[in-house]
Protein backbone atom coordinates (compact mmCIF):
# COMPACT_ATOMS: atom_id res chain seq x y z
CA UNK A 1 112.54 119.55 84.72
CA UNK A 2 114.87 117.50 82.52
CA UNK A 3 113.84 117.02 78.90
CA UNK A 4 115.00 113.64 77.62
CA UNK A 5 114.67 112.60 73.98
CA UNK A 6 114.56 108.97 72.88
CA UNK A 7 115.14 108.66 69.16
CA UNK A 8 115.46 105.79 66.71
CA UNK A 9 118.45 105.88 64.36
CA UNK A 10 118.28 104.59 60.79
CA UNK A 11 120.37 104.91 57.65
CA UNK A 12 120.15 108.69 57.34
CA UNK A 13 121.50 110.94 60.08
CA UNK A 14 119.62 114.01 58.84
CA UNK A 15 116.25 113.41 60.63
CA UNK A 16 118.20 112.84 63.86
CA UNK A 17 120.05 116.11 63.45
CA UNK A 18 116.82 117.98 62.75
CA UNK A 19 115.01 116.44 65.73
CA UNK A 20 117.80 117.13 68.25
CA UNK A 21 118.35 120.69 67.03
CA UNK A 22 114.61 121.43 67.05
CA UNK A 23 113.72 119.86 70.39
CA UNK A 24 116.97 120.83 72.16
CA UNK A 25 116.78 118.13 74.86
CA UNK A 26 118.87 118.01 78.02
CA UNK A 27 119.75 114.40 77.25
CA UNK A 28 119.51 112.17 74.19
CA UNK A 29 119.00 108.40 74.20
CA UNK A 30 119.68 106.76 70.83
CA UNK A 31 117.96 103.52 69.80
CA UNK A 32 120.17 101.77 67.25
CA UNK A 33 120.66 98.50 65.44
CA UNK A 34 123.89 96.67 66.25
CA UNK A 35 126.53 94.99 64.10
CA UNK A 36 129.04 96.31 61.59
CA UNK A 37 126.30 97.58 59.29
CA UNK A 38 123.99 98.76 62.04
CA UNK A 39 123.10 102.35 62.86
CA UNK A 40 125.09 102.12 66.10
CA UNK A 41 128.19 103.29 64.18
CA UNK A 42 126.52 106.67 63.60
CA UNK A 43 126.58 107.20 67.37
CA UNK A 44 129.92 105.77 68.52
CA UNK A 45 131.82 105.21 65.24
CA UNK A 46 135.28 106.73 64.73
CA UNK A 47 136.13 109.26 62.05
CA UNK A 48 133.19 110.22 59.88
CA UNK A 49 130.76 107.29 59.97
CA UNK A 50 127.62 109.27 59.04
CA UNK A 51 126.93 109.19 55.33
CA UNK A 52 124.79 111.77 53.58
CA UNK A 53 123.40 110.15 50.47
CA UNK A 54 121.64 111.34 47.37
CA UNK A 55 120.18 108.20 45.92
CA UNK A 56 123.00 105.64 45.91
CA UNK A 57 125.71 108.30 45.90
CA UNK A 58 127.48 109.41 49.11
CA UNK A 59 127.69 113.21 48.84
CA UNK A 60 129.11 114.01 52.27
CA UNK A 61 130.38 112.39 55.48
CA UNK A 62 129.91 113.65 59.03
CA UNK A 63 131.39 112.74 62.44
CA UNK A 64 129.27 110.59 64.73
CA UNK A 65 126.08 112.33 65.76
CA UNK A 66 126.96 113.19 69.39
CA UNK A 67 130.13 114.88 68.09
CA UNK A 68 128.43 116.66 65.20
CA UNK A 69 125.59 117.86 67.42
CA UNK A 70 128.03 118.88 70.17
CA UNK A 71 126.02 117.01 72.76
CA UNK A 72 128.84 116.80 75.30
CA UNK A 73 127.47 115.60 78.64
CA UNK A 74 123.99 115.38 77.16
CA UNK A 75 125.00 111.97 75.80
CA UNK A 76 126.91 109.26 77.63
CA UNK A 77 127.45 106.07 75.64
CA UNK A 78 127.30 103.72 78.63
CA UNK A 79 124.00 105.30 79.69
CA UNK A 80 122.24 106.58 76.60
CA UNK A 81 122.80 103.98 73.89
CA UNK A 82 120.23 101.21 73.32
CA UNK A 83 121.59 98.63 70.89
CA UNK A 84 119.14 96.18 69.35
CA UNK A 85 120.70 92.97 68.02
CA UNK A 86 117.64 92.11 65.92
CA UNK A 87 116.02 95.37 64.77
CA UNK A 88 113.09 93.48 63.22
CA UNK A 89 112.10 91.73 66.45
CA UNK A 90 109.25 93.81 67.89
CA UNK A 91 109.35 92.16 71.33
CA UNK A 92 113.10 92.72 71.70
CA UNK A 93 112.79 96.34 70.61
CA UNK A 94 109.88 97.05 72.93
CA UNK A 95 111.49 95.33 75.90
CA UNK A 96 114.81 97.16 75.53
CA UNK A 97 113.23 100.60 75.11
CA UNK A 98 110.71 100.07 77.91
CA UNK A 99 113.47 98.97 80.27
CA UNK A 100 115.37 102.19 79.58
CA UNK A 101 112.23 104.29 80.10
CA UNK A 102 111.54 102.60 83.45
CA UNK A 103 115.15 103.25 84.46
CA UNK A 104 114.78 106.94 83.58
CA UNK A 105 111.44 107.20 85.38
CA UNK A 106 112.95 105.68 88.51
CA UNK A 107 115.98 107.99 88.42
CA UNK A 108 114.14 111.13 87.27
CA UNK A 109 110.40 110.70 87.96
CA UNK A 110 109.64 114.28 86.91
CA UNK A 111 111.53 114.11 83.60
CA UNK A 112 109.73 115.21 80.45
CA UNK A 113 110.13 112.30 78.03
CA UNK A 114 110.02 112.90 74.28
CA UNK A 115 110.13 110.23 71.57
CA UNK A 116 110.97 110.74 67.88
CA UNK A 117 110.37 107.59 65.87
CA UNK A 118 111.38 108.85 62.41
CA UNK A 119 114.56 106.82 61.91
CA UNK A 120 115.40 103.13 62.23
CA UNK A 121 113.62 100.07 60.94
CA UNK A 122 109.84 100.07 60.82
CA UNK A 123 109.89 97.69 63.78
CA UNK A 124 112.13 100.00 65.82
CA UNK A 125 109.83 102.93 65.08
CA UNK A 126 106.71 100.96 66.04
CA UNK A 127 108.33 99.80 69.27
CA UNK A 128 109.37 103.32 70.30
CA UNK A 129 105.91 104.69 69.51
CA UNK A 130 104.27 101.90 71.53
CA UNK A 131 106.52 102.50 74.53
CA UNK A 132 105.89 106.23 74.30
CA UNK A 133 102.13 105.67 74.39
CA UNK A 134 102.35 103.15 77.21
CA UNK A 135 104.60 105.31 79.40
CA UNK A 136 103.20 108.74 78.63
CA UNK A 137 106.06 110.17 76.55
CA UNK A 138 105.29 112.89 74.02
CA UNK A 139 105.56 111.50 70.52
CA UNK A 140 107.25 113.41 67.69
CA UNK A 141 107.86 112.78 64.00
CA UNK A 142 110.41 114.51 61.79
CA UNK A 143 108.82 115.02 58.38
CA UNK A 144 110.48 115.82 55.10
CA UNK A 145 107.82 117.10 52.74
CA UNK A 146 109.50 119.37 50.21
CA UNK A 147 113.25 119.35 50.80
CA UNK A 148 115.41 117.67 48.17
CA UNK A 149 118.84 118.76 49.47
CA UNK A 150 120.02 116.00 51.79
CA UNK A 151 123.17 117.82 52.91
CA UNK A 152 121.66 120.69 54.87
CA UNK A 153 118.46 121.36 56.78
CA UNK A 154 116.23 123.54 54.68
CA UNK A 155 112.61 124.68 54.75
CA UNK A 156 110.26 121.76 54.56
CA UNK A 157 111.83 119.49 57.20
CA UNK A 158 110.15 119.95 60.55
CA UNK A 159 109.73 118.14 63.84
CA UNK A 160 106.06 117.83 64.67
CA UNK A 161 104.27 116.50 67.73
CA UNK A 162 102.30 113.46 66.62
CA UNK A 163 98.56 113.56 67.30
CA UNK A 164 98.16 110.54 69.58
CA UNK A 165 95.19 111.46 71.75
CA UNK A 166 92.69 109.33 69.82
CA UNK A 167 95.14 106.42 69.82
CA UNK A 168 95.57 106.71 73.58
CA UNK A 169 91.82 107.05 74.13
CA UNK A 170 91.10 104.02 71.98
CA UNK A 171 93.77 101.90 73.71
CA UNK A 172 92.39 102.88 77.11
CA UNK A 173 88.72 102.47 76.26
CA UNK A 174 88.99 99.32 74.15
CA UNK A 175 91.71 97.47 76.07
CA UNK A 176 92.25 98.72 79.62
CA UNK A 177 88.70 99.68 80.68
CA UNK A 178 87.10 96.34 79.63
CA UNK A 179 89.69 94.42 81.67
CA UNK A 180 89.05 96.33 84.88
CA UNK A 181 85.27 96.27 84.37
CA UNK A 182 85.45 92.47 84.31
CA UNK A 183 86.82 92.76 87.86
CA UNK A 184 84.43 95.53 88.97
CA UNK A 185 87.59 97.59 89.61
CA UNK A 186 86.05 101.03 89.23
CA UNK A 187 88.76 103.03 91.06
CA UNK A 188 91.32 101.86 88.45
CA UNK A 189 88.99 102.81 85.59
CA UNK A 190 88.23 106.21 87.14
CA UNK A 191 91.93 106.99 87.61
CA UNK A 192 92.76 106.23 83.95
CA UNK A 193 89.79 108.17 82.59
CA UNK A 194 90.65 111.22 84.70
CA UNK A 195 94.23 111.14 83.40
CA UNK A 196 92.89 111.28 79.85
CA UNK A 197 90.62 114.23 80.64
CA UNK A 198 93.27 116.17 82.52
CA UNK A 199 96.35 115.50 80.39
CA UNK A 200 95.22 114.96 76.79
CA UNK A 201 93.99 117.37 74.15
CA UNK A 202 90.86 115.51 73.14
CA UNK A 203 88.49 115.86 70.25
CA UNK A 204 84.90 116.69 71.15
CA UNK A 205 83.88 113.12 70.31
CA UNK A 206 86.61 111.55 72.45
CA UNK A 207 85.92 113.91 75.36
CA UNK A 208 82.22 113.05 75.32
CA UNK A 209 83.00 109.34 75.29
CA UNK A 210 85.42 109.64 78.21
CA UNK A 211 83.00 111.76 80.24
CA UNK A 212 80.18 109.25 79.70
CA UNK A 213 82.40 106.38 80.81
CA UNK A 214 83.59 108.37 83.81
CA UNK A 215 80.01 109.18 84.85
CA UNK A 216 79.10 105.50 84.76
CA UNK A 217 82.25 104.28 86.53
CA UNK A 218 81.88 106.88 89.29
CA UNK A 219 78.22 105.95 89.65
CA UNK A 220 78.94 102.23 89.88
CA UNK A 221 81.83 102.83 92.27
CA UNK A 222 79.55 104.87 94.55
CA UNK A 223 76.86 102.21 94.34
CA UNK A 224 79.42 99.51 95.15
CA UNK A 225 80.11 101.47 98.36
CA UNK A 226 76.35 101.78 99.08
CA UNK A 227 76.42 105.52 98.37
CA UNK A 228 73.14 105.31 96.48
CA UNK A 229 72.55 109.07 96.30
CA UNK A 230 75.84 109.73 94.52
CA UNK A 231 75.26 106.70 92.31
CA UNK A 232 71.93 107.97 90.99
CA UNK A 233 73.35 111.47 90.54
CA UNK A 234 75.99 110.02 88.21
CA UNK A 235 73.72 107.57 86.40
CA UNK A 236 70.30 109.19 86.08
CA UNK A 237 71.13 110.88 82.76
CA UNK A 238 71.65 107.46 81.15
CA UNK A 239 68.20 106.06 81.93
CA UNK A 240 67.31 106.16 78.23
CA UNK A 241 70.39 104.11 77.34
CA UNK A 242 68.91 100.64 76.62
CA UNK A 243 71.90 98.76 78.06
CA UNK A 244 71.64 100.66 81.36
CA UNK A 245 67.90 101.19 81.77
CA UNK A 246 67.13 98.06 83.82
CA UNK A 247 70.18 98.63 86.02
CA UNK A 248 69.22 102.22 86.84
CA UNK A 249 65.59 101.26 87.50
CA UNK A 250 66.85 98.61 89.91
CA UNK A 251 68.93 101.29 91.66
CA UNK A 252 65.80 103.40 92.04
CA UNK A 253 63.94 100.46 93.60
CA UNK A 254 66.90 99.83 95.93
CA UNK A 255 66.73 103.45 97.01
CA UNK A 256 62.99 103.23 97.56
CA UNK A 257 63.32 100.12 99.71
CA UNK A 258 66.17 101.66 101.67
CA UNK A 259 64.11 104.77 102.40
CA UNK A 260 61.14 102.66 103.46
CA UNK A 261 63.28 100.75 105.94
CA UNK A 262 65.38 103.74 107.11
CA UNK A 263 63.31 104.51 110.19
CA UNK A 264 63.80 101.00 111.55
CA UNK A 265 67.56 101.43 111.93
CA UNK A 266 67.87 105.18 112.28
CA UNK A 267 69.20 105.65 108.74
CA UNK A 268 68.57 109.25 107.71
CA UNK A 269 67.99 108.36 104.08
CA UNK A 270 65.47 110.27 102.03
CA UNK A 271 65.26 110.28 98.26
CA UNK A 272 63.03 111.59 95.52
CA UNK A 273 64.43 108.97 93.16
CA UNK A 274 62.77 105.92 94.68
CA UNK A 275 60.12 104.13 92.64
CA UNK A 276 57.60 101.33 93.22
CA UNK A 277 59.27 98.35 94.86
CA UNK A 278 58.47 95.26 96.89
CA UNK A 279 60.66 96.47 99.79
CA UNK A 280 63.43 93.87 99.75
CA UNK A 281 65.57 95.29 96.92
CA UNK A 282 68.11 96.56 99.46
CA UNK A 283 68.66 92.92 100.50
CA UNK A 284 69.09 91.85 96.87
CA UNK A 285 71.56 94.71 96.43
CA UNK A 286 73.79 93.32 99.18
CA UNK A 287 73.69 89.82 97.66
CA UNK A 288 74.92 91.23 94.35
CA UNK A 289 77.61 93.20 96.16
CA UNK A 290 78.81 89.93 97.71
CA UNK A 291 79.08 88.38 94.23
CA UNK A 292 81.31 91.24 93.13
CA UNK A 293 83.60 90.80 96.13
CA UNK A 294 83.90 87.10 95.32
CA UNK A 295 84.84 87.92 91.73
CA UNK A 296 87.90 89.65 93.20
CA UNK A 297 88.57 86.55 95.36
CA UNK A 298 87.81 88.58 98.51
CA UNK A 299 85.88 85.77 100.12
CA UNK A 300 85.93 87.09 103.68
CA UNK A 301 84.44 90.36 102.44
CA UNK A 302 81.89 88.43 100.40
CA UNK A 303 80.80 86.26 103.34
CA UNK A 304 80.49 89.32 105.58
CA UNK A 305 78.03 90.74 103.03
CA UNK A 306 76.13 87.46 102.83
CA UNK A 307 75.74 87.53 106.60
CA UNK A 308 74.48 91.11 106.37
CA UNK A 309 71.96 90.07 103.69
CA UNK A 310 70.58 87.37 106.01
CA UNK A 311 70.39 89.85 108.87
CA UNK A 312 68.81 92.59 106.78
CA UNK A 313 66.21 90.20 105.37
CA UNK A 314 64.79 89.43 108.81
CA UNK A 315 65.08 93.06 109.90
CA UNK A 316 63.10 94.24 106.86
CA UNK A 317 60.51 91.49 107.35
CA UNK A 318 59.93 92.31 111.01
CA UNK A 319 59.62 96.00 110.16
CA UNK A 320 57.49 95.62 107.02
CA UNK A 321 55.19 93.03 108.51
CA UNK A 322 54.99 94.03 112.18
CA UNK A 323 56.74 97.39 112.71
CA UNK A 324 59.25 95.64 114.98
CA UNK A 325 62.79 96.99 115.20
CA UNK A 326 65.37 94.34 116.04
CA UNK A 327 67.56 97.01 117.61
CA UNK A 328 64.83 98.11 120.01
CA UNK A 329 61.96 95.63 120.19
CA UNK A 330 58.63 97.07 121.35
CA UNK A 331 57.10 94.14 123.24
CA UNK A 332 53.62 95.62 122.93
CA UNK A 333 53.75 94.73 119.23
CA UNK A 334 54.32 91.08 120.03
CA UNK A 335 51.57 88.53 120.70
CA UNK A 336 50.70 88.47 124.40
CA UNK A 337 52.06 84.94 124.67
CA UNK A 338 55.56 86.17 123.68
CA UNK A 339 55.79 89.44 125.58
CA UNK A 340 57.10 88.06 128.86
CA UNK A 341 59.68 85.90 127.11
CA UNK A 342 61.16 88.78 125.15
CA UNK A 343 60.90 91.24 128.00
CA UNK A 344 63.49 89.02 129.69
CA UNK A 345 65.89 89.93 126.86
CA UNK A 346 65.95 93.61 127.84
CA UNK A 347 69.46 94.85 128.56
CA UNK A 348 69.79 96.25 132.11
CA UNK A 349 72.40 98.74 130.90
CA UNK A 350 70.95 99.90 127.58
CA UNK A 351 67.33 99.45 128.57
CA UNK A 352 66.58 97.95 125.16
CA UNK A 353 65.66 94.58 123.75
CA UNK A 354 68.16 93.97 120.95
CA UNK A 355 68.06 90.81 118.87
CA UNK A 356 70.97 89.48 116.84
CA UNK A 357 70.50 87.48 113.64
CA UNK A 358 69.53 84.06 115.06
CA UNK A 359 67.21 85.41 117.74
CA UNK A 360 65.54 87.67 115.18
CA UNK A 361 64.71 84.66 113.04
CA UNK A 362 63.58 82.72 116.12
CA UNK A 363 61.15 85.53 116.91
CA UNK A 364 59.89 85.57 113.33
CA UNK A 365 59.34 81.81 113.48
CA UNK A 366 57.24 82.25 116.65
CA UNK A 367 54.93 84.79 115.02
CA UNK A 368 51.73 83.15 113.74
CA UNK A 369 51.93 81.89 110.16
CA UNK A 370 54.80 84.11 109.04
CA UNK A 371 55.99 82.74 105.66
CA UNK A 372 59.65 83.69 106.16
CA UNK A 373 59.59 82.29 109.68
CA UNK A 374 58.39 78.94 108.31
CA UNK A 375 61.11 78.89 105.67
CA UNK A 376 63.70 79.69 108.32
CA UNK A 377 62.69 76.60 110.28
CA UNK A 378 63.26 74.49 107.15
CA UNK A 379 66.75 75.98 106.60
CA UNK A 380 67.70 76.51 110.26
CA UNK A 381 70.17 73.67 110.73
CA UNK A 382 71.94 74.31 107.41
CA UNK A 383 72.18 78.04 108.09
CA UNK A 384 73.65 77.49 111.54
CA UNK A 385 76.23 75.12 110.07
CA UNK A 386 77.48 77.52 107.40
CA UNK A 387 77.51 80.47 109.79
CA UNK A 388 80.29 78.71 111.67
CA UNK A 389 82.66 79.49 108.79
CA UNK A 390 81.58 83.11 108.93
CA UNK A 391 82.12 83.27 112.69
CA UNK A 392 85.60 81.79 112.29
CA UNK A 393 86.47 84.43 109.69
CA UNK A 394 89.02 87.10 110.54
CA UNK A 395 86.33 89.69 109.75
CA UNK A 396 84.00 88.18 112.37
CA UNK A 397 85.20 86.50 115.56
CA UNK A 398 88.07 84.28 114.46
CA UNK A 399 91.36 84.32 112.59
CA UNK A 400 90.67 81.81 109.84
CA UNK A 401 90.27 83.18 106.28
CA UNK A 402 87.31 81.96 104.25
CA UNK A 403 88.29 79.69 101.37
CA UNK A 404 86.79 79.78 97.89
CA UNK A 405 85.07 76.46 98.51
CA UNK A 406 83.57 77.68 101.78
CA UNK A 407 82.35 80.86 100.12
CA UNK A 408 80.67 78.92 97.31
CA UNK A 409 78.86 76.67 99.78
CA UNK A 410 77.71 79.61 101.91
CA UNK A 411 76.72 81.70 98.89
CA UNK A 412 74.66 78.92 97.34
CA UNK A 413 72.64 78.32 100.51
CA UNK A 414 72.20 82.00 101.44
CA UNK A 415 71.13 83.01 97.94
CA UNK A 416 68.59 80.18 97.79
CA UNK A 417 67.23 80.99 101.26
CA UNK A 418 67.02 84.75 100.62
CA UNK A 419 65.37 84.48 97.20
CA UNK A 420 62.93 81.84 98.45
CA UNK A 421 62.14 84.01 101.47
CA UNK A 422 61.57 87.15 99.40
CA UNK A 423 59.30 85.28 97.00
CA UNK A 424 57.26 84.04 99.97
CA UNK A 425 56.72 87.43 101.60
CA UNK A 426 56.24 89.53 98.46
CA UNK A 427 52.58 88.94 97.75
CA UNK A 428 50.49 91.19 95.54
CA UNK A 429 53.47 93.29 94.50
CA UNK A 430 55.20 93.24 91.13
CA UNK A 431 58.61 91.65 91.43
CA UNK A 432 61.47 92.64 89.12
CA UNK A 433 64.64 90.62 88.85
CA UNK A 434 67.68 92.23 90.52
CA UNK A 435 70.35 93.45 88.08
CA UNK A 436 74.09 92.84 88.50
CA UNK A 437 76.55 95.50 87.37
CA UNK A 438 77.49 95.26 83.67
CA UNK A 439 80.83 93.83 82.59
CA UNK A 440 80.96 96.35 79.74
CA UNK A 441 79.58 99.81 79.13
CA UNK A 442 77.80 100.98 75.96
CA UNK A 443 80.16 103.84 75.09
């Protein structure tokens, strides 16, 4: 694996000499200031352009650094020299160095990048350190603590790896993670947090913080994929965290309602984590999932979930209220006046009576005094109108993507219908407000 050193060059050549001799890279890239008085002359200047000073006095002169260090093929001027026209312009410095790092990464993806930011202007040093942190290069600093002889390397001048783990952790946790949480992009957060755990030497405090964030992101990612068991396994230890308590309790109610309804659809879901619920939390969970898809502008995905929420609402109601499965209707559980009508719906091939969304609601509306059935009749025409957009979607029966405006119209009506319906059928049970995923985590 090639070891490539990027190093800033300032007025004194000595830290450069020490760094190259200590790190012994396979290739050296010099970051210099341009112009007649710039540090570029120390790299490509003729004769002896490198001045060794003691105060204001020049006490020795050396050949350019590649010659003095006998770099040979380890330095090629047309490849390994970054010249900055304005060494005090942070943006220009960062852009030039980052461009070179990307070029190296593309050419040699496995290269081990090192960065020594001792020399150069303060701005050049800051830029190199920033690029190193952003692109995963190992940061070094050449220190001169006791040496007073500027002509030779003596005890006291050493190249040390800079401790950057806390800097990297803070940049990730305070800048990157909040951005992706705003988008509910948990896979991106998980990937970055795992890189920190696997590749950085972390303090106990930083490691704990990363592990807590990773637990929560993995739990929310699992929940976002309806893997409720994995979600609670990741999140249950944070029930006493005030910012997460209501969210985790909602998850437990979702799990309880899912288990209660499992038999109706053949879902082998059992949990010891379920708690008291009104039975429709699993429907509320899907509505919130649709909101998260819409945040990412995935409107077809969002509408597909809204449709599922409508369907699940009537399925849960028929099961909770009448022990009727829409996937296999038992006509003996219907009023006698409806049995013949629905017997005619039995499939000659499957031998079952299976009701899709609209027919399920029509059945519910025909059952005596069902509150959700009555509400459906009030919303029927509007629901049928908006379902046309869903049916035209590429994720349903058509090829037409759902627009943002269409999603907003559908979401507004479905959310109103579902919440109104749940309020009507939940009687005598305590109702807790559903909880959307947090946009920030308390760690």
